[in-house]
N, C-alpha and C. Protein backbone atom coordinates (compact mmCIF):
# COMPACT_ATOMS: atom_id res chain seq x y z
N MET A 1 -218.78 97.89 89.68
CA MET A 1 -218.40 97.73 88.16
C MET A 1 -216.88 97.18 88.29
N ARG A 2 -216.72 96.18 87.47
CA ARG A 2 -215.46 95.55 87.36
C ARG A 2 -214.43 96.33 86.60
N ASN A 3 -213.20 96.08 86.89
CA ASN A 3 -212.05 96.90 86.34
C ASN A 3 -211.93 96.51 84.75
N SER A 4 -212.52 95.33 84.46
CA SER A 4 -212.49 95.29 82.70
C SER A 4 -213.52 95.90 82.11
N GLU A 5 -214.72 96.11 82.67
CA GLU A 5 -215.86 96.80 82.26
C GLU A 5 -215.31 98.56 82.13
N LEU A 6 -214.72 98.97 83.13
CA LEU A 6 -214.31 100.28 83.06
C LEU A 6 -213.40 100.52 82.14
N THR A 7 -212.24 99.51 81.82
CA THR A 7 -211.41 99.53 80.88
C THR A 7 -211.92 99.54 79.45
N GLU A 8 -212.79 98.81 79.22
CA GLU A 8 -213.56 98.70 77.93
C GLU A 8 -214.40 100.11 77.75
N LEU A 9 -214.87 100.65 78.79
CA LEU A 9 -215.62 101.88 78.70
C LEU A 9 -214.73 103.24 78.06
N VAL A 10 -213.52 103.32 78.80
CA VAL A 10 -212.48 104.36 78.79
C VAL A 10 -211.50 104.29 77.57
N SER A 11 -211.14 103.01 77.31
CA SER A 11 -210.18 102.91 76.21
C SER A 11 -210.39 103.39 74.78
N PRO A 12 -211.78 103.37 74.37
CA PRO A 12 -211.71 104.05 72.99
C PRO A 12 -211.47 105.73 73.14
N ALA A 13 -212.12 106.30 74.25
CA ALA A 13 -211.76 107.78 74.40
C ALA A 13 -210.17 108.09 74.66
N ILE A 14 -209.62 107.26 75.26
CA ILE A 14 -208.24 107.33 75.42
C ILE A 14 -207.37 107.16 74.09
N ALA A 15 -207.81 106.16 73.08
CA ALA A 15 -206.98 105.88 72.11
C ALA A 15 -207.33 107.16 71.09
N ASP A 16 -208.53 107.69 71.18
CA ASP A 16 -208.78 108.98 70.41
C ASP A 16 -207.77 110.02 70.51
N LEU A 17 -207.16 109.94 71.74
CA LEU A 17 -206.05 110.81 72.22
C LEU A 17 -204.75 110.55 71.80
N GLY A 18 -204.57 109.31 71.15
CA GLY A 18 -203.38 108.85 70.60
C GLY A 18 -202.39 108.19 71.66
N LEU A 19 -203.23 107.59 72.66
CA LEU A 19 -202.59 106.78 73.90
C LEU A 19 -203.21 105.65 73.99
N GLU A 20 -202.57 104.75 74.80
CA GLU A 20 -203.21 103.36 75.20
C GLU A 20 -203.70 103.35 76.46
N CYS A 21 -204.87 102.78 76.96
CA CYS A 21 -205.23 102.45 78.10
C CYS A 21 -204.59 101.12 78.41
N LEU A 22 -203.80 101.04 79.41
CA LEU A 22 -203.09 99.74 79.88
C LEU A 22 -204.22 98.92 80.83
N GLY A 23 -204.97 99.61 81.74
CA GLY A 23 -205.91 99.02 82.50
C GLY A 23 -206.53 100.04 83.52
N VAL A 24 -207.39 99.66 84.06
CA VAL A 24 -208.13 100.54 85.17
C VAL A 24 -208.25 99.71 86.45
N GLU A 25 -208.01 100.38 87.46
CA GLU A 25 -208.16 99.65 88.72
C GLU A 25 -209.14 100.54 89.52
N TYR A 26 -210.37 99.79 90.06
CA TYR A 26 -211.42 100.50 90.59
C TYR A 26 -211.30 99.88 92.15
N SER A 27 -211.22 100.61 93.04
CA SER A 27 -211.05 100.29 94.62
C SER A 27 -212.18 101.07 95.22
N PRO A 28 -213.47 100.09 95.35
CA PRO A 28 -214.70 100.73 96.02
C PRO A 28 -214.40 100.97 97.37
N SER A 29 -214.73 101.99 98.09
CA SER A 29 -214.81 102.31 99.33
C SER A 29 -215.99 102.97 100.07
N HIS A 30 -216.37 102.92 101.22
CA HIS A 30 -217.55 103.32 101.84
C HIS A 30 -217.71 104.88 101.58
N GLY A 31 -216.55 105.74 101.65
CA GLY A 31 -216.71 107.14 101.79
C GLY A 31 -216.23 107.50 100.34
N ASN A 32 -215.10 107.18 99.73
CA ASN A 32 -214.56 107.72 98.58
C ASN A 32 -214.02 106.81 97.86
N SER A 33 -214.48 106.17 96.72
CA SER A 33 -213.79 105.18 96.12
C SER A 33 -212.52 105.82 95.22
N LEU A 34 -211.84 104.89 94.48
CA LEU A 34 -210.70 105.32 93.65
C LEU A 34 -210.60 104.60 92.34
N VAL A 35 -210.54 105.47 91.26
CA VAL A 35 -210.50 105.09 89.95
C VAL A 35 -209.28 105.33 89.47
N ARG A 36 -208.31 104.41 89.34
CA ARG A 36 -207.05 104.74 88.64
C ARG A 36 -206.73 104.19 87.36
N VAL A 37 -206.43 105.17 86.34
CA VAL A 37 -206.22 104.75 84.96
C VAL A 37 -204.83 104.80 84.47
N TYR A 38 -204.32 103.70 84.09
CA TYR A 38 -203.04 103.46 83.59
C TYR A 38 -202.84 103.82 82.21
N ILE A 39 -202.23 104.86 81.73
CA ILE A 39 -202.00 105.05 80.25
C ILE A 39 -200.50 104.94 79.81
N ASP A 40 -200.55 104.69 78.44
CA ASP A 40 -199.07 104.58 77.84
C ASP A 40 -199.05 105.39 76.45
N ALA A 41 -197.92 105.77 76.05
CA ALA A 41 -197.72 106.37 74.82
C ALA A 41 -196.75 105.55 73.92
N ALA A 42 -197.13 105.28 72.61
CA ALA A 42 -196.09 104.86 71.82
C ALA A 42 -194.89 105.28 71.73
N GLU A 43 -193.65 104.67 71.86
CA GLU A 43 -192.21 105.30 71.59
C GLU A 43 -191.84 106.47 72.26
N ARG A 44 -192.59 106.90 73.32
CA ARG A 44 -192.35 108.10 74.04
C ARG A 44 -192.85 107.93 75.57
N ALA A 45 -192.31 108.90 76.27
CA ALA A 45 -192.99 108.83 77.67
C ALA A 45 -194.17 109.49 77.96
N VAL A 46 -195.10 109.06 78.83
CA VAL A 46 -196.24 109.80 79.10
C VAL A 46 -195.94 111.08 79.95
N THR A 47 -196.56 112.04 79.27
CA THR A 47 -196.27 113.40 79.98
C THR A 47 -197.46 113.76 80.99
N VAL A 48 -197.25 114.85 81.63
CA VAL A 48 -198.35 115.42 82.55
C VAL A 48 -199.66 116.03 81.68
N ASP A 49 -199.20 116.52 80.53
CA ASP A 49 -200.04 116.91 79.55
C ASP A 49 -201.11 115.80 79.12
N ASP A 50 -200.45 114.52 78.88
CA ASP A 50 -201.09 113.53 78.71
C ASP A 50 -202.19 113.00 79.65
N CYS A 51 -201.49 113.10 81.04
CA CYS A 51 -202.64 112.73 82.01
C CYS A 51 -203.86 113.66 82.31
N GLU A 52 -203.47 114.97 82.07
CA GLU A 52 -204.42 115.97 82.14
C GLU A 52 -205.29 115.73 80.93
N ALA A 53 -205.12 115.52 79.92
CA ALA A 53 -206.13 115.25 78.93
C ALA A 53 -207.00 114.02 78.91
N VAL A 54 -206.31 112.97 79.41
CA VAL A 54 -207.12 111.80 79.62
C VAL A 54 -207.93 112.02 80.73
N SER A 55 -207.51 112.60 81.68
CA SER A 55 -208.31 112.79 83.12
C SER A 55 -209.55 113.68 82.79
N ARG A 56 -209.57 114.75 81.97
CA ARG A 56 -210.67 115.64 81.36
C ARG A 56 -211.67 114.73 80.63
N GLN A 57 -210.84 113.84 79.72
CA GLN A 57 -211.94 112.90 78.67
C GLN A 57 -212.51 112.06 79.61
N VAL A 58 -211.81 111.24 80.43
CA VAL A 58 -212.58 110.22 81.21
C VAL A 58 -213.42 110.79 82.20
N SER A 59 -213.19 111.72 82.97
CA SER A 59 -214.02 112.54 83.87
C SER A 59 -215.46 112.66 83.19
N ALA A 60 -215.32 113.19 81.97
CA ALA A 60 -216.59 113.57 81.24
C ALA A 60 -217.46 112.08 80.86
N LEU A 61 -216.83 111.35 80.36
CA LEU A 61 -217.24 110.08 80.08
C LEU A 61 -217.65 109.46 81.28
N LEU A 62 -217.19 109.42 82.39
CA LEU A 62 -217.66 108.72 83.72
C LEU A 62 -218.96 109.35 84.29
N ASP A 63 -218.92 110.94 83.87
CA ASP A 63 -220.12 111.59 84.44
C ASP A 63 -221.44 111.28 83.53
N VAL A 64 -221.27 111.23 82.30
CA VAL A 64 -222.36 110.64 81.37
C VAL A 64 -222.96 109.24 81.55
N ASN A 65 -221.95 108.44 81.72
CA ASN A 65 -222.31 106.86 81.75
C ASN A 65 -222.62 106.60 83.21
N ASP A 66 -222.17 107.28 84.08
CA ASP A 66 -222.41 107.00 85.59
C ASP A 66 -222.37 105.51 86.01
N PRO A 67 -221.07 104.95 85.87
CA PRO A 67 -221.00 103.57 86.11
C PRO A 67 -220.55 103.47 87.67
N ILE A 68 -220.25 104.35 88.28
CA ILE A 68 -219.88 103.99 89.80
C ILE A 68 -220.69 104.87 90.79
N ASP A 69 -221.20 104.19 91.57
CA ASP A 69 -222.12 104.57 92.67
C ASP A 69 -221.34 105.54 93.64
N GLY A 70 -221.85 106.71 93.91
CA GLY A 70 -221.12 107.36 95.15
C GLY A 70 -220.01 108.29 94.52
N ARG A 71 -219.25 108.78 95.66
CA ARG A 71 -218.18 109.69 95.35
C ARG A 71 -216.80 108.81 95.14
N TYR A 72 -216.03 109.27 94.09
CA TYR A 72 -214.71 108.78 93.80
C TYR A 72 -213.81 109.71 93.40
N THR A 73 -212.61 109.24 93.50
CA THR A 73 -211.38 110.08 92.99
C THR A 73 -210.91 109.68 91.68
N LEU A 74 -210.60 110.21 90.67
CA LEU A 74 -210.07 109.75 89.42
C LEU A 74 -208.68 110.11 89.45
N GLU A 75 -207.76 109.10 89.19
CA GLU A 75 -206.37 109.52 89.11
C GLU A 75 -205.82 109.02 87.54
N VAL A 76 -205.07 109.50 86.93
CA VAL A 76 -204.43 109.09 85.62
C VAL A 76 -203.16 109.13 85.82
N SER A 77 -202.48 107.72 85.34
CA SER A 77 -200.94 107.77 85.77
C SER A 77 -200.16 107.03 84.60
N SER A 78 -198.83 107.22 84.45
CA SER A 78 -198.29 106.50 83.61
C SER A 78 -198.00 105.17 84.36
N PRO A 79 -197.55 104.04 83.70
CA PRO A 79 -197.37 102.79 84.48
C PRO A 79 -196.05 102.52 85.17
N GLY A 80 -195.02 103.73 85.12
CA GLY A 80 -193.87 103.48 86.09
C GLY A 80 -193.08 102.41 85.65
N LEU A 81 -191.93 102.08 86.66
CA LEU A 81 -190.79 101.08 86.36
C LEU A 81 -191.60 99.78 86.74
N ASP A 82 -192.41 99.83 87.80
CA ASP A 82 -193.21 98.37 88.28
C ASP A 82 -194.42 98.22 87.59
N ARG A 83 -194.48 98.66 86.24
CA ARG A 83 -195.72 98.64 85.45
C ARG A 83 -196.66 97.67 85.52
N PRO A 84 -197.98 97.89 85.97
CA PRO A 84 -198.98 96.50 86.17
C PRO A 84 -199.14 96.03 84.72
N LEU A 85 -199.49 94.71 84.67
CA LEU A 85 -199.67 93.92 83.46
C LEU A 85 -201.13 93.44 83.30
N TYR A 86 -201.88 93.80 82.74
CA TYR A 86 -203.26 93.40 82.49
C TYR A 86 -203.71 92.39 81.53
N THR A 87 -203.25 92.30 80.52
CA THR A 87 -203.54 91.45 79.36
C THR A 87 -202.37 90.60 78.96
N PRO A 88 -202.64 89.67 78.25
CA PRO A 88 -201.59 88.55 77.88
C PRO A 88 -200.59 89.31 76.95
N GLN A 89 -201.34 90.32 75.96
CA GLN A 89 -200.24 90.92 74.90
C GLN A 89 -199.50 91.72 75.92
N GLN A 90 -199.68 92.32 77.12
CA GLN A 90 -198.89 93.08 77.89
C GLN A 90 -197.70 92.30 78.39
N PHE A 91 -198.05 91.06 78.81
CA PHE A 91 -197.14 90.05 79.54
C PHE A 91 -196.08 89.78 78.19
N ALA A 92 -196.58 89.56 77.03
CA ALA A 92 -195.64 89.26 75.81
C ALA A 92 -194.76 90.21 75.58
N ARG A 93 -195.13 91.65 75.80
CA ARG A 93 -194.03 92.52 75.67
C ARG A 93 -193.03 92.59 76.37
N PHE A 94 -192.99 91.71 77.63
CA PHE A 94 -192.01 91.85 78.55
C PHE A 94 -191.33 90.42 78.84
N ILE A 95 -191.55 89.58 77.72
CA ILE A 95 -190.98 88.34 78.08
C ILE A 95 -189.35 88.29 78.02
N GLY A 96 -188.89 87.77 79.35
CA GLY A 96 -187.72 87.69 79.60
C GLY A 96 -187.52 88.61 80.98
N GLN A 97 -188.23 89.56 81.24
CA GLN A 97 -188.23 90.24 82.28
C GLN A 97 -189.06 89.65 83.80
N ASN A 98 -188.56 90.06 84.80
CA ASN A 98 -189.27 89.49 86.00
C ASN A 98 -190.52 90.04 86.21
N ALA A 99 -191.51 89.35 86.69
CA ALA A 99 -192.85 89.78 86.99
C ALA A 99 -193.30 89.24 88.46
N LYS A 100 -194.06 89.91 89.11
CA LYS A 100 -194.72 89.42 90.36
C LYS A 100 -196.16 89.22 90.14
N LEU A 101 -196.68 88.02 90.18
CA LEU A 101 -198.17 87.84 90.34
C LEU A 101 -198.83 87.43 91.51
N GLU A 102 -200.02 87.84 91.74
CA GLU A 102 -200.94 87.30 92.72
C GLU A 102 -202.10 86.63 92.04
N LEU A 103 -202.72 85.46 92.40
CA LEU A 103 -203.66 84.67 91.80
C LEU A 103 -204.88 84.81 92.54
N ASN A 104 -205.99 84.52 91.89
CA ASN A 104 -207.22 84.69 92.53
C ASN A 104 -207.31 83.17 93.28
N LEU A 105 -207.00 82.12 92.65
CA LEU A 105 -206.90 80.83 93.27
C LEU A 105 -205.60 80.12 93.49
N PRO A 106 -205.27 79.50 94.44
CA PRO A 106 -203.95 78.81 94.52
C PRO A 106 -203.66 77.90 93.46
N LEU A 107 -202.32 77.77 92.97
CA LEU A 107 -201.83 76.95 91.91
C LEU A 107 -200.68 76.19 92.42
N ASN A 108 -200.53 74.94 92.44
CA ASN A 108 -199.68 74.40 93.07
C ASN A 108 -199.22 74.72 94.37
N GLY A 109 -200.30 74.99 95.17
CA GLY A 109 -200.37 75.51 96.74
C GLY A 109 -199.96 76.73 96.93
N ARG A 110 -199.78 77.59 95.99
CA ARG A 110 -199.39 78.99 96.22
C ARG A 110 -200.11 80.03 95.27
N ARG A 111 -200.29 81.09 95.81
CA ARG A 111 -200.98 82.40 95.37
C ARG A 111 -200.16 83.40 94.78
N ARG A 112 -198.93 83.46 95.00
CA ARG A 112 -197.99 84.45 94.72
C ARG A 112 -196.77 83.82 93.92
N PHE A 113 -196.50 84.43 92.70
CA PHE A 113 -195.20 83.90 92.05
C PHE A 113 -194.46 85.15 91.52
N GLN A 114 -193.20 84.73 91.44
CA GLN A 114 -192.28 85.90 91.15
C GLN A 114 -191.16 85.16 90.35
N GLY A 115 -190.86 85.81 89.06
CA GLY A 115 -189.93 85.24 88.44
C GLY A 115 -189.90 85.77 86.96
N PRO A 116 -189.24 85.31 85.99
CA PRO A 116 -189.18 85.88 84.60
C PRO A 116 -190.25 85.31 83.90
N ILE A 117 -191.02 86.06 83.13
CA ILE A 117 -192.03 85.67 82.13
C ILE A 117 -191.29 84.95 80.92
N ARG A 118 -191.54 83.67 80.68
CA ARG A 118 -191.11 82.85 79.75
C ARG A 118 -191.65 82.96 78.39
N ALA A 119 -192.93 82.80 78.42
CA ALA A 119 -193.65 82.85 77.22
C ALA A 119 -195.05 83.11 77.67
N VAL A 120 -195.95 83.51 76.49
CA VAL A 120 -197.36 83.64 76.54
C VAL A 120 -197.82 82.83 75.33
N GLN A 121 -198.89 81.87 75.70
CA GLN A 121 -199.36 80.88 74.72
C GLN A 121 -200.91 81.09 75.02
N GLY A 122 -201.44 81.88 74.03
CA GLY A 122 -202.93 82.19 73.93
C GLY A 122 -203.25 82.94 75.28
N GLU A 123 -203.84 82.51 76.18
CA GLU A 123 -204.35 83.02 77.48
C GLU A 123 -203.68 82.48 78.60
N THR A 124 -202.54 81.78 78.27
CA THR A 124 -201.78 81.35 79.43
C THR A 124 -200.44 82.10 79.55
N ILE A 125 -200.06 82.33 80.69
CA ILE A 125 -198.61 82.99 80.99
C ILE A 125 -197.79 81.88 81.39
N VAL A 126 -196.59 81.69 80.63
CA VAL A 126 -195.78 80.68 81.34
C VAL A 126 -194.56 81.63 82.11
N MET A 127 -194.20 81.33 83.53
CA MET A 127 -193.28 82.11 84.15
C MET A 127 -192.59 81.07 84.68
N GLU A 128 -191.16 81.51 85.00
CA GLU A 128 -190.42 80.50 85.77
C GLU A 128 -190.32 80.84 87.31
N GLN A 129 -190.59 79.76 88.13
CA GLN A 129 -190.59 79.65 89.56
C GLN A 129 -189.69 78.89 89.96
N ASP A 130 -188.67 79.41 90.88
CA ASP A 130 -187.64 78.53 91.56
C ASP A 130 -187.09 77.61 90.28
N GLY A 131 -186.74 77.97 89.13
CA GLY A 131 -186.25 77.19 88.10
C GLY A 131 -187.12 76.28 87.21
N VAL A 132 -188.37 76.43 87.73
CA VAL A 132 -189.53 75.53 87.09
C VAL A 132 -190.46 76.40 86.31
N ALA A 133 -190.73 75.83 84.94
CA ALA A 133 -191.81 76.64 84.22
C ALA A 133 -193.13 76.31 84.81
N VAL A 134 -193.77 77.56 85.19
CA VAL A 134 -195.34 77.21 85.57
C VAL A 134 -196.31 77.88 84.56
N ASP A 135 -197.38 77.21 84.32
CA ASP A 135 -198.38 77.75 83.46
C ASP A 135 -199.50 78.35 84.19
N ILE A 136 -199.78 79.56 83.86
CA ILE A 136 -200.75 80.25 84.64
C ILE A 136 -201.90 80.92 83.75
N ALA A 137 -203.04 80.55 84.07
CA ALA A 137 -204.07 80.86 83.29
C ALA A 137 -204.34 82.34 83.51
N HIS A 138 -204.28 83.11 82.48
CA HIS A 138 -204.55 84.52 82.71
C HIS A 138 -205.93 85.07 83.39
N ALA A 139 -206.87 84.36 83.30
CA ALA A 139 -208.09 84.45 83.98
C ALA A 139 -207.87 84.23 85.56
N ASN A 140 -206.94 83.59 85.88
CA ASN A 140 -206.62 83.44 87.40
C ASN A 140 -205.66 84.42 87.94
N VAL A 141 -205.14 85.45 86.91
CA VAL A 141 -204.41 86.40 87.60
C VAL A 141 -205.12 87.49 88.35
N HIS A 142 -204.89 87.78 89.54
CA HIS A 142 -205.60 88.83 90.25
C HIS A 142 -204.78 90.28 89.86
N ARG A 143 -203.46 90.13 90.11
CA ARG A 143 -202.52 91.30 89.92
C ARG A 143 -201.48 90.89 89.53
N ALA A 144 -201.04 91.73 88.60
CA ALA A 144 -199.46 91.51 88.19
C ALA A 144 -198.71 92.74 87.81
N LYS A 145 -197.41 92.81 88.10
CA LYS A 145 -196.65 93.73 87.77
C LYS A 145 -195.18 93.52 87.40
N LEU A 146 -194.43 94.17 86.88
CA LEU A 146 -193.16 94.10 86.51
C LEU A 146 -192.31 94.30 87.70
N VAL A 147 -191.20 93.70 87.95
CA VAL A 147 -190.11 93.88 89.10
C VAL A 147 -188.96 94.64 88.28
N PRO A 148 -188.84 96.05 88.72
CA PRO A 148 -187.68 96.48 88.12
C PRO A 148 -186.29 95.91 88.50
N ASP A 149 -185.69 95.68 87.66
CA ASP A 149 -184.05 95.41 87.67
C ASP A 149 -183.06 96.43 87.60
N PHE A 150 -182.54 96.76 88.74
CA PHE A 150 -181.77 97.96 89.01
C PHE A 150 -180.24 97.54 88.78
N GLY A 151 -180.07 96.49 88.47
CA GLY A 151 -178.64 95.89 88.43
C GLY A 151 -177.91 95.97 89.63
N GLU A 152 -176.64 95.77 89.64
CA GLU A 152 -175.90 95.71 90.81
C GLU A 152 -175.85 96.98 91.59
N PRO A 153 -175.93 97.12 92.87
CA PRO A 153 -175.93 98.48 93.65
C PRO A 153 -174.74 99.33 93.33
N ALA A 154 -174.91 100.60 93.19
CA ALA A 154 -173.93 101.52 93.03
C ALA A 154 -172.93 101.46 94.19
N GLY A 155 -171.63 101.63 93.70
CA GLY A 155 -170.52 101.79 94.90
C GLY A 155 -169.40 101.89 94.35
N LYS A 156 -168.30 102.17 95.18
CA LYS A 156 -167.00 102.34 94.67
C LYS A 156 -166.52 100.90 94.31
N PRO A 157 -165.77 101.14 92.90
CA PRO A 157 -165.24 99.80 92.38
C PRO A 157 -164.20 99.35 93.27
N GLY A 158 -163.96 98.03 93.24
CA GLY A 158 -162.87 97.39 93.76
C GLY A 158 -163.15 97.36 95.42
N ARG A 159 -164.41 97.30 95.89
CA ARG A 159 -164.45 97.15 97.35
C ARG A 159 -165.09 95.71 97.56
N GLY A 160 -165.08 95.15 98.63
CA GLY A 160 -165.98 94.00 98.98
C GLY A 160 -165.08 92.69 98.79
N LYS A 161 -165.64 91.70 99.10
CA LYS A 161 -164.70 90.33 99.45
C LYS A 161 -164.41 90.13 97.84
N ALA A 162 -165.07 90.17 96.81
CA ALA A 162 -164.76 89.69 95.64
C ALA A 162 -163.56 90.32 95.07
N ALA A 163 -163.80 91.69 95.09
CA ALA A 163 -162.55 92.59 94.77
C ALA A 163 -161.36 92.45 95.40
N SER A 164 -161.61 92.14 96.65
CA SER A 164 -160.27 91.66 97.45
C SER A 164 -159.59 90.39 96.85
N ASN A 165 -160.39 89.32 96.68
CA ASN A 165 -159.93 88.19 96.19
C ASN A 165 -159.13 88.36 94.88
N ALA A 166 -159.90 89.29 93.91
CA ALA A 166 -159.49 89.62 92.75
C ALA A 166 -158.14 90.07 92.64
N LYS A 167 -157.80 91.07 93.66
CA LYS A 167 -156.66 91.80 94.08
C LYS A 167 -155.38 90.78 94.37
N ASN A 168 -155.73 89.98 95.22
CA ASN A 168 -155.05 88.85 95.83
C ASN A 168 -154.61 87.94 94.64
N ALA A 169 -155.27 87.51 93.83
CA ALA A 169 -155.24 86.72 92.62
C ALA A 169 -154.09 87.42 91.76
N GLN A 170 -154.29 88.58 91.44
CA GLN A 170 -153.35 89.36 90.67
C GLN A 170 -152.08 89.46 91.40
N LYS A 171 -151.84 89.65 92.67
CA LYS A 171 -150.61 89.75 93.25
C LYS A 171 -149.85 88.37 93.13
N ASP A 172 -150.80 87.14 93.17
CA ASP A 172 -150.24 85.98 93.08
C ASP A 172 -149.62 85.57 91.88
N LYS A 173 -150.15 86.31 90.77
CA LYS A 173 -149.34 86.18 89.37
C LYS A 173 -148.23 86.68 89.20
N LYS A 174 -148.03 87.84 89.83
CA LYS A 174 -146.78 88.62 89.93
C LYS A 174 -145.54 87.98 90.15
């Protein structure tokens, strides 16, 4: 079963709980497959109780519909800081932020792109790569996630070469 089919199957049940199904990742394996469901909550953080409620609901739904052959482990998770992106609408929510994409088929000789999301035009994601805008068909995106920006590393102010140069410049003014 494909990820998109599983997402379509479980999304209504998750929406009934007042949550959003961002996407489902199904990783088949010979011994024990993995089904990971990413959920989000509007205007609040996802709680452990949310994950537990979705897990119960989705588990029952998968038991009834039986879309997966063999044994599997079900995981329900919040998206986290490096949130996966599954739909053009999700890309559009994060215009201006950095994302990392892996493509199914190479584009301009490469399969991996990382840079800011510049726009979403229908089913096309416009990203900046090395200062150039690149149009990427959403259907060609194998995997995508945000790249968290933690800003400058924390440290003591006034250290390093730039701070030293700034101090010397201030001394010269006196």
